[in-house]
Protein backbone atom coordinates (compact mmCIF):
# COMPACT_ATOMS: atom_id res chain seq x y z
CA MET A 1 90.28 84.21 83.11
CA TYR A 2 92.42 83.67 80.02
CA LEU A 3 95.16 82.07 82.13
CA LEU A 4 92.68 79.52 83.54
CA LEU A 5 91.36 78.75 80.05
CA HIS A 6 94.88 78.40 78.68
CA THR A 7 95.94 76.09 81.52
CA GLY A 8 92.75 74.05 81.15
CA ILE A 9 93.28 73.58 77.41
CA ASP A 10 96.91 72.60 77.94
CA LEU A 11 96.01 70.07 80.66
CA LEU A 12 93.23 68.67 78.49
CA ALA A 13 95.77 68.23 75.70
CA SER A 14 98.02 66.43 78.19
CA ALA A 15 95.16 64.14 79.19
CA PHE A 16 94.48 63.29 75.52
CA ALA A 17 98.06 62.09 75.27
CA LEU A 18 98.37 60.46 78.70
CA ILE A 19 95.13 58.51 79.05
CA PRO A 20 95.69 56.17 76.06
CA ALA A 21 99.37 55.74 76.96
CA LEU A 22 98.59 54.82 80.58
CA LEU A 23 95.73 52.53 79.54
CA LEU A 24 98.18 50.73 77.28
CA LEU A 25 100.67 50.46 80.17
CA ASN A 26 97.82 49.15 82.33
CA HIS A 27 97.07 46.46 79.77
CA VAL A 28 100.73 45.49 79.35
CA GLN A 29 102.23 45.97 82.81
CA PHE A 30 100.06 47.33 85.65
CA ARG A 31 96.87 45.25 85.22
CA ASN A 32 95.04 47.33 87.81
CA LEU A 33 92.69 50.08 86.63
CA ARG A 34 92.42 51.76 90.05
CA LEU A 35 96.20 51.91 90.25
CA THR A 36 96.35 53.32 86.73
CA GLY A 37 93.95 56.05 87.87
CA LEU A 38 96.41 57.02 90.62
CA TYR A 39 99.21 57.04 88.06
CA LEU A 40 97.11 59.27 85.80
CA LEU A 41 96.65 61.72 88.68
CA PHE A 42 100.42 61.75 89.24
CA SER A 43 101.03 62.17 85.48
CA LEU A 44 98.64 65.10 85.31
CA TYR A 45 100.47 66.72 88.21
CA LEU A 46 103.79 66.25 86.38
CA SER A 47 102.16 67.69 83.24
CA ALA A 48 101.00 70.75 85.13
CA LEU A 49 104.51 71.09 86.56
CA TRP A 50 105.93 70.91 83.03
CA LEU A 51 103.52 73.58 81.80
CA VAL A 52 103.96 75.97 84.74
CA THR A 53 107.75 75.80 84.63
CA GLY A 54 107.79 76.37 80.86
CA LEU A 55 109.87 73.33 80.00
CA PRO A 56 110.87 72.81 76.38
CA THR A 57 108.80 70.89 73.83
CA ILE A 58 109.47 69.61 70.35
CA LEU A 59 108.08 72.89 68.96
CA SER A 60 109.45 75.33 71.51
CA HIS A 61 113.02 75.07 72.58
CA THR A 62 116.00 77.35 72.39
CA PHE A 63 119.37 77.59 74.05
CA GLU A 64 119.38 80.73 76.16
CA PRO A 65 121.12 79.88 79.43
CA THR A 66 120.53 82.41 82.19
CA PHE A 67 121.71 81.50 85.67
CA TYR A 68 121.25 82.82 89.19
CA LEU A 69 123.65 80.88 91.41
CA LEU A 70 123.71 82.86 94.67
CA PRO A 71 121.73 80.80 97.18
CA ILE A 72 119.31 82.44 99.62
CA LEU A 73 120.19 86.06 98.68
CA GLY A 74 117.42 86.56 96.11
CA MET A 75 114.71 84.88 98.21
CA ALA A 76 114.10 87.93 100.40
CA ASP A 77 113.55 90.09 97.32
CA ASP A 78 110.89 87.76 95.91
CA VAL A 79 109.09 86.07 98.80
CA ARG A 80 105.99 85.49 96.65
CA ASN A 81 107.98 83.48 94.11
CA SER A 82 109.60 81.43 96.89
CA ILE A 83 106.19 80.58 98.36
CA LEU A 84 104.80 79.66 94.93
CA ASN A 85 107.79 77.38 94.27
CA CYS A 86 107.15 75.60 97.59
CA ILE A 87 103.48 75.17 96.70
CA LEU A 88 104.38 73.91 93.21
CA PHE A 89 106.33 70.93 94.60
CA LEU A 90 104.09 70.26 97.62
CA PRO A 91 101.87 67.79 95.66
CA LEU A 92 104.99 65.82 94.68
CA GLY A 93 105.93 65.24 98.31
CA PHE A 94 102.32 64.41 99.09
CA LEU A 95 101.64 61.98 96.22
CA LEU A 96 104.91 60.02 96.11
CA PRO A 97 104.57 58.34 99.54
CA LEU A 98 100.85 57.76 99.08
CA ILE A 99 101.41 55.88 95.82
CA TRP A 100 104.78 54.13 96.20
CA THR A 101 106.08 52.41 99.35
CA LYS A 102 109.68 53.31 98.58
CA TYR A 103 108.87 56.99 99.07
CA ARG A 104 107.48 56.54 102.58
CA LYS A 105 110.87 57.58 103.90
CA TRP A 106 111.33 61.33 104.23
CA GLY A 107 114.88 61.35 102.83
CA VAL A 108 114.01 59.32 99.73
CA THR A 109 111.06 61.58 98.88
CA VAL A 110 113.01 64.79 99.47
CA LEU A 111 115.89 63.46 97.37
CA PHE A 112 113.46 62.69 94.54
CA GLY A 113 112.08 66.23 94.82
CA PHE A 114 115.61 67.66 94.75
CA PHE A 115 116.57 65.73 91.62
CA LEU A 116 113.29 66.49 89.84
CA SER A 117 113.76 70.18 90.66
CA LEU A 118 117.36 69.98 89.42
CA ALA A 119 116.14 68.40 86.18
CA VAL A 120 113.58 71.19 85.77
CA GLU A 121 116.18 73.88 86.40
CA LEU A 122 118.63 72.28 83.94
CA MET A 123 115.96 71.87 81.25
CA GLN A 124 115.12 75.56 81.64
CA ILE A 125 118.50 76.24 80.01
CA PHE A 126 116.67 75.32 76.78
CA THR A 127 113.93 77.90 77.34
CA TYR A 128 113.63 81.59 78.00
CA ARG A 129 113.46 80.88 81.76
CA LEU A 130 116.00 81.62 84.48
CA THR A 131 117.86 78.68 86.03
CA ASP A 132 117.88 79.64 89.71
CA VAL A 133 119.48 77.86 92.67
CA ASN A 134 116.83 79.41 94.94
CA ASP A 135 114.12 77.60 92.98
CA LEU A 136 115.97 74.36 93.67
CA ILE A 137 115.96 75.13 97.40
CA THR A 138 112.29 76.16 97.59
CA ASN A 139 111.09 73.31 95.38
CA THR A 140 112.89 70.81 97.62
CA ALA A 141 111.38 72.48 100.70
CA GLY A 142 107.93 72.15 99.12
CA THR A 143 108.52 68.43 98.55
CA ALA A 144 109.53 68.03 102.20
CA LEU A 145 106.43 69.89 103.37
CA GLY A 146 104.21 67.74 101.13
CA PHE A 147 105.70 64.61 102.67
CA LEU A 148 104.98 65.92 106.18
CA LEU A 149 101.36 66.58 105.19
CA ALA A 150 101.00 63.06 103.75
CA ARG A 151 102.63 61.32 106.71
CA PRO A 152 99.45 60.99 108.83
CA LEU A 153 97.68 59.37 105.86
CA LEU A 154 100.29 56.70 105.28
CA SER A 155 99.20 53.22 106.25
CA LYS A 156 101.24 50.18 107.09
CA LYS A 157 99.82 48.30 104.13
CA GLN A 158 101.98 47.68 101.13
CA GLY A 159 102.13 50.40 98.51
CA HIS A 160 102.59 49.92 94.82
CA PRO A 161 105.71 48.68 93.06
CA VAL A 162 108.28 51.39 92.52
CA SER A 163 109.13 49.71 89.22
CA HIS A 164 105.97 51.38 87.91
CA ALA A 165 107.33 54.85 88.65
CA PHE A 166 109.80 54.95 85.76
CA PRO A 167 107.29 54.11 82.99
CA VAL A 168 104.81 56.65 84.40
CA VAL A 169 107.41 59.43 84.47
CA ALA A 170 108.85 58.43 81.07
CA VAL A 171 105.42 58.34 79.39
CA THR A 172 104.59 61.73 80.90
CA ALA A 173 107.86 63.29 79.73
CA CYS A 174 107.45 61.90 76.20
CA ALA A 175 103.82 63.03 76.03
CA MET A 176 104.71 66.51 77.19
CA PHE A 177 107.73 66.92 74.92
CA PHE A 178 106.35 65.38 71.73
CA VAL A 179 102.54 65.31 71.80
CA GLN A 180 101.00 67.87 74.18
CA THR A 181 101.95 70.96 72.16
CA LEU A 182 100.52 69.48 68.96
CA VAL A 183 97.23 68.46 70.58
CA SER A 184 97.00 71.83 72.36
CA GLY A 185 97.39 73.61 69.01
CA LEU A 186 94.56 71.53 67.53
CA LEU A 187 92.31 72.25 70.52
CA TRP A 188 92.96 76.00 70.24
CA LYS A 189 91.86 75.86 66.59
CA LEU A 190 88.50 74.43 67.72
CA ILE A 191 87.83 77.42 70.02
CA PRO A 192 85.97 80.21 68.19
């Protein structure tokens, strides 16, 4: 129960940071409130990914590199972790092609998932977490599976401009690194 409450508070703190930032981007660049709602959904997914993987923030970072670089060998010992890593990146492979036309190609989506997973694993060098090549493999597999699940839903109509992807990801990363921890701390003080 505590884990659900903690995750809920942290995601609420993320939303407090992301909603005004995305509304400002909507006013300046997107000019489409429905589209901004889709971007908010994607941003909240990225926020949850940030929280679950324990990525560093302005208040919590350290340099404690721990690596596991033997591919495949450790997966059999921790099947549960491998499945959870696939599930963690499944929404990425599902949402990318539904939102942006550029990601309606399997290879482009899987490559994005690979590089996002690589970024997560490299950022974990600045946390207490293990940087694991098997996580990179299973996260990428989850992205691929998400794409396959989204494929039947893809229409021929034009998606949204991929030029919007960078500001959405950048705003999310800045909100998570600089603001989310501070807002989360304030919210926790309000809970009796």
